Amino acid sequence: MSATKPFVTKTSEELLEDLAAELEIPDSRYEAAERSYRSVGSWLERPASALSQFHPFLYPQGSFRLGTVTKPADDKEHYDLDVVCELGILKKSVTQEDLKKLLGAEVEAYAEAKRMAEPGESRRCWTLEYADGAQFHMDLLPALPDGTRQQILLEQRGFDASRASTAIAITDRDHPNFQLRTDDWPSSNPRGYAQWFIDRMRVQFEERRRVLAEALRRKAEEIPDWRVKTPLQQALQILKRHRDVTFSGQIDDRPISVILTTLAARSYRGENRIAAALFSILEGMDQHIETRNGVDWIPNPTDPRENFADRWLQYPERREAFHSWLGQARQDFANAARAYDAGVAVDALAPRLGRRLVESAANRRITRSGIRGAVPGALVLAGSRAVGALKSIVEAPYRKRPIWPERLGGAVRISRAVSEQKGHRPKSFTSDSAPLKKNTSLTFEATTTVRRPFQVYWQITNTGHEALAVPGGGRGTFQTGDVRRGKLTHGESTLYSGTHGVECFIVKDGYLVARSGVFAVNIA
């Protein structure tokens, strides 16, 4: 189910821009990465190299190629630089195992010559670990050209083969033909995918490169791709960090980057601001998941035969985790979008982006007085209902802070809210929707990625003079939740006029591991 785009305040729009700036890695990191893989390329091309006769062609793939690398959350986390090493060898002359060993021998010699640690070997790649100061490692993928064969195979199936010319055959030690000489190798097409990704943002990409070239007094073609940043790339960086924090304790269930990237690029409509791009992406992501013979299918845009969501059938919890994360992201960013006060927006985003990151972004525009100095128009509507909504809930003095130490690593969201008046049919409603009548029964349902056993708590924060006129009417305390038929539910009734907040908390082993963010309920 898609989500509607919320109204976005200037405060929130600028906070999203500052978040993107905080997540961006410095140019020096891109330059260092480029120097590193070019250094390996020069080594492979040297006269004494066993591979020089095969004209090694090295190029980055993944987030470095797409310009969506995010700054590590801490000093322990490393950048992943994924590099393809394409060699001009025919598949019929080598096995996958032969090719991997050929590259491995040269990579080992390179590491020894450069006094680096011995390279690691994984299922598909060789890994070079750089010094701690560099904070990244390089995964080198052995590959052969495979464009002609893949183009024929796609055309035979009636698929679009326009991007197949850059397809490659890769090594995979788990592949049944790893030790056989055969045409049947695993296939990939990172260059074709990168070109498709850029085409999805072509207008913004070219315009921003032109502006940057003029500012630097250079020709546009002299500006490397990684110097250009579009709203699609920046929105994707923010969503990737939201995913990483949400699933910090559940890596196996975390939606993989290629799924987020593909769905985000398909949902992007050429918006020229980060906020607009972000909400278009959140609105459209699940609409681009196909169903083929009852199976969820996220096709590779360069090879529709490949399903990026193929593991969802074997691990249905990963499908559930994706949809739960998407719902949570929609709720979190919608809550932030309505905020006229930077502190309210920070509180809405901090649980699943990391408070240090969000506060650092907010501080880019906060003066010592605490007012967003660069946002003179941010408080123009300070008397409107929009300001009173989330801010009055979050800042209510009787709203208790969580009593458990935080170890946020899961996700929980209020997935359904139903109102029911006597003699009328139940109706679903959404956060901050049209006011409900008094004396209406409410039921809230939450879903979580946290695995049992855990405890559920709900916090109701009432605002408005009617609630505050009654002792304890503002509440703000924590109530133990119910689990009915496997669902996390909570019941309330509409007694007081005003805007009230509902939030769900998941506690496991004494730690707060997930919180939903505020669900706003308006009562007439």
Foldseek 3Di string as FASTA:
>chain_A
DFDDAFFFFPLLLLLLVLLLVLFADDPVLLVVLVVVVVVLLVLCCDPVHPQVVFPWDKDWFDCSLQLQHTDDPDLVAADETEMETEGADDLLVAFLQRQQVSVLVSVQVVCVVVVFPGWDDDQFWTKTDDDSVSRYIYTYWYKYFDQVVQLVVQVVVVHDQPLSRQKIFTAGNPDPRRHPRDPDGDIDHRPSLSVVLCVLQVVQQQVQLVVVCVVVVHDSVVDDSNVTDALLSSLLSQLVLLQCLAAVVPVVLGQDSVLLSLLLSVQADNDRGNSVSNSSSLRRSVVQFDADPNDTANARPNGRVDGPCVCCVVPVLSVVQVVLSSVLVVQLSSQLRLELALVLNLVSRCLRNNSVSSVVSSVVQADPVRDRPVCPPSCVVVVDPSHCASCVQVPVPQQDDDPFAADARKEKAFPWKWKADPPDDIDTDFFPDDADEFFIKMKTWMDMSDDDDKWKKKAKADDDPVQVVDVCSRPNDIDTFDQDPNITMDMDGGHDADKMWMKMFIGDPRHTHYIRGTRIHGHD
